[in-house]
Amino acid sequence: MSTTPFPKHILACDPGLITGLALIATDGPELLYSAEPEVLDVEETIMKMLHIANPVDLLFVVERFTITAKTAKNTQAPWSLEVTGIARNTMWRELRLEPVFQMPDKMLLWTSERLHALGIWHHGTGLDHANDAARHCLAAMWARGWRDPRVIV
C-alpha cells in the first residue's frame, strides 16, 4: 500500500491534436467532467474543470510525451508538446500546481470493460481520448493504493 497522499480530485490530460481531459472525484470514483477539446480550447476546458474540482486537494496528471527519433515522423507530435505546455501553464497560473507525468503504458490496465464496470465512460466523439485521460486518473489512484472490488486485477 502506498503512503502517497490521496487527493480528492484528479484532473488528467492525454495531450494531442484532439486532447482528452478527465476530472474524477476519487471517492467513488466518479467521472465529474470529461471532454475532447481541440488545441485552442484546452485552456478554457481546464478552467471549466477547475470550477468543479477542489483546488486545494487536486492531483494534476499528464501523459508523458517522450521525444525519440520517430517523433519527427509523427505529425501529431508537435500537438502533444503544445497541449502539455498549455495545460501546465494553465494549472501553474491558476493553482501553482505542477503535473505528475505518467508514462502511457500506465493506463493499459484500465480497459474499456473496467471503465464501464466503474461507471466511468466519456460519451462523445468515439475517439477515446477522454477515456484515455480517465484511464490516467485511475492509474494515478492505483499507484496510490486505491483498489475497487468491481474491477479484479
Protein backbone atom coordinates (compact mmCIF):
# COMPACT_ATOMS: atom_id res chain seq x y z
CA MET A 1 0.00 0.00 0.00
CA SER A 2 1.33 3.41 -0.99
CA THR A 3 1.87 6.20 1.51
CA THR A 4 1.49 8.87 -1.19
CA PRO A 5 -1.23 11.37 -0.22
CA PHE A 6 -4.59 10.57 -1.77
CA PRO A 7 -6.22 13.56 -3.50
CA LYS A 8 -9.95 14.35 -3.55
CA HIS A 9 -9.90 15.06 -7.29
CA ILE A 10 -7.67 14.10 -10.20
CA LEU A 11 -7.53 16.07 -13.42
CA ALA A 12 -5.77 14.21 -16.22
CA CYS A 13 -4.65 15.29 -19.66
CA ASP A 14 -4.00 12.99 -22.61
CA PRO A 15 -2.37 15.56 -24.95
CA GLY A 16 -2.66 15.63 -28.73
CA LEU A 17 -4.35 17.31 -31.67
CA ILE A 18 -7.57 16.12 -30.06
CA THR A 19 -6.85 16.15 -26.35
CA GLY A 20 -8.53 14.04 -23.73
CA LEU A 21 -9.34 15.66 -20.40
CA ALA A 22 -10.99 13.98 -17.43
CA LEU A 23 -11.82 15.10 -13.92
CA ILE A 24 -12.52 12.34 -11.42
CA ALA A 25 -13.66 12.51 -7.81
CA THR A 26 -11.68 9.80 -6.06
CA ASP A 27 -14.39 8.97 -3.51
CA GLY A 28 -16.30 6.75 -5.89
CA PRO A 29 -14.59 7.07 -8.19
CA GLU A 30 -16.91 9.30 -10.21
CA LEU A 31 -16.29 10.98 -13.55
CA LEU A 32 -17.26 14.60 -12.94
CA TYR A 33 -16.33 16.06 -16.32
CA SER A 34 -14.71 14.85 -19.50
CA ALA A 35 -14.00 16.46 -22.84
CA GLU A 36 -12.06 16.13 -26.06
CA PRO A 37 -11.19 19.72 -26.92
CA GLU A 38 -9.14 20.89 -29.84
CA VAL A 39 -5.81 22.53 -29.06
CA LEU A 40 -7.14 26.09 -28.84
CA ASP A 41 -9.93 25.06 -26.45
CA VAL A 42 -7.78 23.19 -23.90
CA GLU A 43 -7.27 26.13 -21.55
CA GLU A 44 -10.97 27.03 -21.49
CA THR A 45 -11.92 23.41 -20.80
CA ILE A 46 -9.42 23.11 -17.95
CA MET A 47 -10.83 26.31 -16.45
CA LYS A 48 -14.34 24.78 -16.50
CA MET A 49 -12.97 21.74 -14.71
CA LEU A 50 -11.26 23.86 -12.07
CA HIS A 51 -14.63 25.39 -11.17
CA ILE A 52 -15.84 21.87 -10.30
CA ALA A 53 -12.73 20.49 -8.59
CA ASN A 54 -11.43 21.15 -5.10
CA PRO A 55 -8.29 23.14 -5.95
CA VAL A 56 -6.77 22.54 -2.52
CA ASP A 57 -6.79 18.76 -2.93
CA LEU A 58 -6.21 18.19 -6.64
CA LEU A 59 -3.72 15.99 -8.43
CA PHE A 60 -2.83 17.02 -11.98
CA VAL A 61 -1.67 14.16 -14.23
CA VAL A 62 -0.32 14.49 -17.77
CA GLU A 63 0.71 11.67 -20.06
CA ARG A 64 4.47 11.88 -20.54
CA PHE A 65 5.47 12.58 -24.09
CA THR A 66 8.95 11.37 -24.91
CA ILE A 67 10.78 12.71 -27.94
CA THR A 68 12.52 9.96 -29.90
CA ALA A 69 13.98 9.52 -33.38
CA LYS A 70 10.46 8.55 -34.54
CA THR A 71 8.94 11.81 -33.25
CA ALA A 72 9.72 13.76 -36.44
CA LYS A 73 7.75 11.18 -38.48
CA ASN A 74 4.66 11.58 -36.29
CA THR A 75 2.61 14.57 -37.40
CA GLN A 76 0.73 14.52 -34.07
CA ALA A 77 3.93 15.04 -32.07
CA PRO A 78 4.01 18.86 -32.03
CA TRP A 79 0.43 18.99 -30.79
CA SER A 80 1.22 16.78 -27.82
CA LEU A 81 4.05 19.11 -26.80
CA GLU A 82 1.96 22.23 -27.29
CA VAL A 83 -1.01 20.89 -25.32
CA THR A 84 1.27 19.79 -22.49
CA GLY A 85 2.60 23.35 -22.36
CA ILE A 86 -0.89 24.88 -22.42
CA ALA A 87 -2.11 22.56 -19.64
CA ARG A 88 0.99 23.12 -17.49
CA ASN A 89 0.80 26.89 -17.91
CA THR A 90 -2.91 26.99 -17.06
CA MET A 91 -2.51 24.87 -13.93
CA TRP A 92 0.56 26.80 -12.78
CA ARG A 93 -1.04 30.19 -13.39
CA GLU A 94 -4.28 29.24 -11.62
CA LEU A 95 -3.09 26.95 -8.79
CA ARG A 96 0.71 26.93 -8.78
CA LEU A 97 0.34 23.21 -9.45
CA GLU A 98 2.88 21.15 -11.39
CA PRO A 99 1.85 17.95 -13.13
CA VAL A 100 2.71 14.39 -12.29
CA PHE A 101 3.93 12.95 -15.58
CA GLN A 102 2.77 9.41 -16.23
CA MET A 103 4.02 7.02 -18.89
CA PRO A 104 1.42 5.97 -21.48
CA ASP A 105 1.68 2.29 -20.51
CA LYS A 106 0.36 3.06 -17.00
CA MET A 107 -3.17 3.34 -18.39
CA LEU A 108 -3.14 -0.07 -20.14
CA LEU A 109 -4.54 -1.81 -17.05
CA TRP A 110 -7.74 0.24 -17.41
CA THR A 111 -9.56 -1.45 -20.26
CA SER A 112 -12.90 -0.25 -21.59
CA GLU A 113 -14.58 -3.07 -19.70
CA ARG A 114 -13.06 -1.88 -16.42
CA LEU A 115 -14.08 1.72 -17.08
CA HIS A 116 -17.66 0.56 -17.73
CA ALA A 117 -17.63 -1.57 -14.55
CA LEU A 118 -16.79 1.57 -12.59
CA GLY A 119 -19.40 3.65 -14.41
CA ILE A 120 -16.71 5.86 -15.89
CA TRP A 121 -17.19 6.50 -19.59
CA HIS A 122 -16.98 9.55 -21.83
CA HIS A 123 -19.87 9.66 -24.28
CA GLY A 124 -18.64 11.78 -27.13
CA THR A 125 -16.78 11.58 -30.39
CA GLY A 126 -15.77 7.96 -30.05
CA LEU A 127 -12.10 8.87 -30.38
CA ASP A 128 -11.42 7.59 -26.84
CA HIS A 129 -9.08 10.44 -25.85
CA ALA A 130 -11.20 11.49 -22.85
CA ASN A 131 -11.41 7.85 -21.78
CA ASP A 132 -7.62 7.70 -22.01
CA ALA A 133 -7.46 10.68 -19.66
CA ALA A 134 -9.84 8.85 -17.29
CA ARG A 135 -7.54 5.83 -17.51
CA HIS A 136 -4.67 8.06 -16.37
CA CYS A 137 -6.78 9.20 -13.40
CA LEU A 138 -7.43 5.60 -12.39
CA ALA A 139 -3.77 4.66 -12.90
CA ALA A 140 -2.76 7.51 -10.57
CA MET A 141 -5.26 6.26 -7.98
CA TRP A 142 -3.98 2.69 -8.35
CA ALA A 143 -0.39 3.89 -7.84
CA ARG A 144 -1.53 5.48 -4.57
CA GLY A 145 -3.04 2.25 -3.24
CA TRP A 146 -6.68 2.50 -4.35
CA ARG A 147 -8.44 -0.80 -5.09
CA ASP A 148 -12.05 -1.47 -6.05
CA PRO A 149 -13.81 -4.86 -5.88
CA ARG A 150 -15.73 -4.05 -9.09
CA VAL A 151 -12.52 -4.47 -11.05
CA ILE A 152 -10.49 -7.54 -10.31
CA VAL A 153 -6.89 -7.18 -11.37
